[in-house]
Amino acid sequence: MSDFFTAVGLAIALEGILYAVFPDGMKRMMMQILTLPSQNIRSAGITAALIGVTLVWLIRG
């Protein structure tokens, strides 16, 4: 369980760094996401989740 919380903390830290370094870019990205159909956002989310699980599976064996 500690690995899970470590991963969540790392994800939050990386996202925070993006907001701190590129605040205007993140605003633009959010505006673009609002114009996308829900199905496209869902597909992107599922794809990202699958890539993440695959990476963890490959690394942790």
C-alpha atoms as a PDB file:
ATOM      1  CA  MET A   1       0.000   0.000   0.000  1.00  0.00           C
ATOM      2  CA  SER A   2       2.926   2.326   0.614  1.00  0.00           C
ATOM      3  CA  ASP A   3       3.944   1.915  -3.044  1.00  0.00           C
ATOM      4  CA  PHE A   4       0.471   3.056  -4.082  1.00  0.00           C
ATOM      5  CA  PHE A   5       0.627   6.187  -1.948  1.00  0.00           C
ATOM      6  CA  THR A   6       4.153   6.883  -3.172  1.00  0.00           C
ATOM      7  CA  ALA A   7       2.918   6.690  -6.773  1.00  0.00           C
ATOM      8  CA  VAL A   8      -0.036   8.988  -6.032  1.00  0.00           C
ATOM      9  CA  GLY A   9       2.278  11.478  -4.343  1.00  0.00           C
ATOM     10  CA  LEU A  10       4.658  11.406  -7.289  1.00  0.00           C
ATOM     11  CA  ALA A  11       1.803  11.955  -9.757  1.00  0.00           C
ATOM     12  CA  ILE A  12       0.542  14.929  -7.734  1.00  0.00           C
ATOM     13  CA  ALA A  13       4.059  16.384  -7.513  1.00  0.00           C
ATOM     14  CA  LEU A  14       4.612  16.060 -11.269  1.00  0.00           C
ATOM     15  CA  GLU A  15       1.272  17.684 -12.022  1.00  0.00           C
ATOM     16  CA  GLY A  16       2.036  20.475  -9.564  1.00  0.00           C
ATOM     17  CA  ILE A  17       5.350  21.122 -11.285  1.00  0.00           C
ATOM     18  CA  LEU A  18       3.572  21.441 -14.649  1.00  0.00           C
ATOM     19  CA  TYR A  19       1.135  23.997 -13.209  1.00  0.00           C
ATOM     20  CA  ALA A  20       3.986  25.941 -11.596  1.00  0.00           C
ATOM     21  CA  VAL A  21       6.240  25.993 -14.667  1.00  0.00           C
ATOM     22  CA  PHE A  22       3.599  26.328 -17.426  1.00  0.00           C
ATOM     23  CA  PRO A  23       0.507  28.010 -15.901  1.00  0.00           C
ATOM     24  CA  ASP A  24      -0.647  29.638 -19.151  1.00  0.00           C
ATOM     25  CA  GLY A  25      -0.092  26.453 -21.128  1.00  0.00           C
ATOM     26  CA  MET A  26      -2.124  24.465 -18.602  1.00  0.00           C
ATOM     27  CA  LYS A  27      -4.975  27.007 -18.865  1.00  0.00           C
ATOM     28  CA  ARG A  28      -4.952  26.681 -22.652  1.00  0.00           C
ATOM     29  CA  MET A  29      -4.946  22.907 -22.407  1.00  0.00           C
ATOM     30  CA  MET A  30      -7.949  22.959 -20.057  1.00  0.00           C
ATOM     31  CA  MET A  31      -9.851  25.248 -22.418  1.00  0.00           C
ATOM     32  CA  GLN A  32      -9.163  22.846 -25.296  1.00  0.00           C
ATOM     33  CA  ILE A  33     -10.262  19.847 -23.233  1.00  0.00           C
ATOM     34  CA  LEU A  34     -13.592  21.540 -22.480  1.00  0.00           C
ATOM     35  CA  THR A  35     -14.331  21.651 -26.210  1.00  0.00           C
ATOM     36  CA  LEU A  36     -13.673  17.932 -26.770  1.00  0.00           C
ATOM     37  CA  PRO A  37     -16.469  15.377 -26.832  1.00  0.00           C
ATOM     38  CA  SER A  38     -16.731  13.276 -23.667  1.00  0.00           C
ATOM     39  CA  GLN A  39     -15.952  10.085 -25.605  1.00  0.00           C
ATOM     40  CA  ASN A  40     -12.563  11.481 -26.701  1.00  0.00           C
ATOM     41  CA  ILE A  41     -11.696  12.437 -23.122  1.00  0.00           C
ATOM     42  CA  ARG A  42     -12.808   9.013 -21.887  1.00  0.00           C
ATOM     43  CA  SER A  43     -10.684   7.268 -24.533  1.00  0.00           C
ATOM     44  CA  ALA A  44      -7.644   9.354 -23.592  1.00  0.00           C
ATOM     45  CA  GLY A  45      -8.180   8.535 -19.914  1.00  0.00           C
ATOM     46  CA  ILE A  46      -8.484   4.811 -20.559  1.00  0.00           C
ATOM     47  CA  THR A  47      -5.387   4.877 -22.765  1.00  0.00           C
ATOM     48  CA  ALA A  48      -3.380   6.746 -20.107  1.00  0.00           C
ATOM     49  CA  ALA A  49      -4.543   4.305 -17.418  1.00  0.00           C
ATOM     50  CA  LEU A  50      -3.563   1.299 -19.541  1.00  0.00           C
ATOM     51  CA  ILE A  51      -0.138   2.776 -20.265  1.00  0.00           C
ATOM     52  CA  GLY A  52       0.365   3.474 -16.555  1.00  0.00           C
ATOM     53  CA  VAL A  53      -0.668  -0.016 -15.487  1.00  0.00           C
ATOM     54  CA  THR A  54       1.545  -1.537 -18.183  1.00  0.00           C
ATOM     55  CA  LEU A  55       4.527   0.519 -17.022  1.00  0.00           C
ATOM     56  CA  VAL A  56       4.000  -0.516 -13.415  1.00  0.00           C
ATOM     57  CA  TRP A  57       3.597  -4.146 -14.470  1.00  0.00           C
ATOM     58  CA  LEU A  58       6.824  -4.020 -16.509  1.00  0.00           C
ATOM     59  CA  ILE A  59       8.805  -2.293 -13.763  1.00  0.00           C
ATOM     60  CA  ARG A  60       7.477  -4.255 -10.798  1.00  0.00           C
ATOM     61  CA  GLY A  61       7.328  -7.561 -12.701  1.00  0.00           C
END
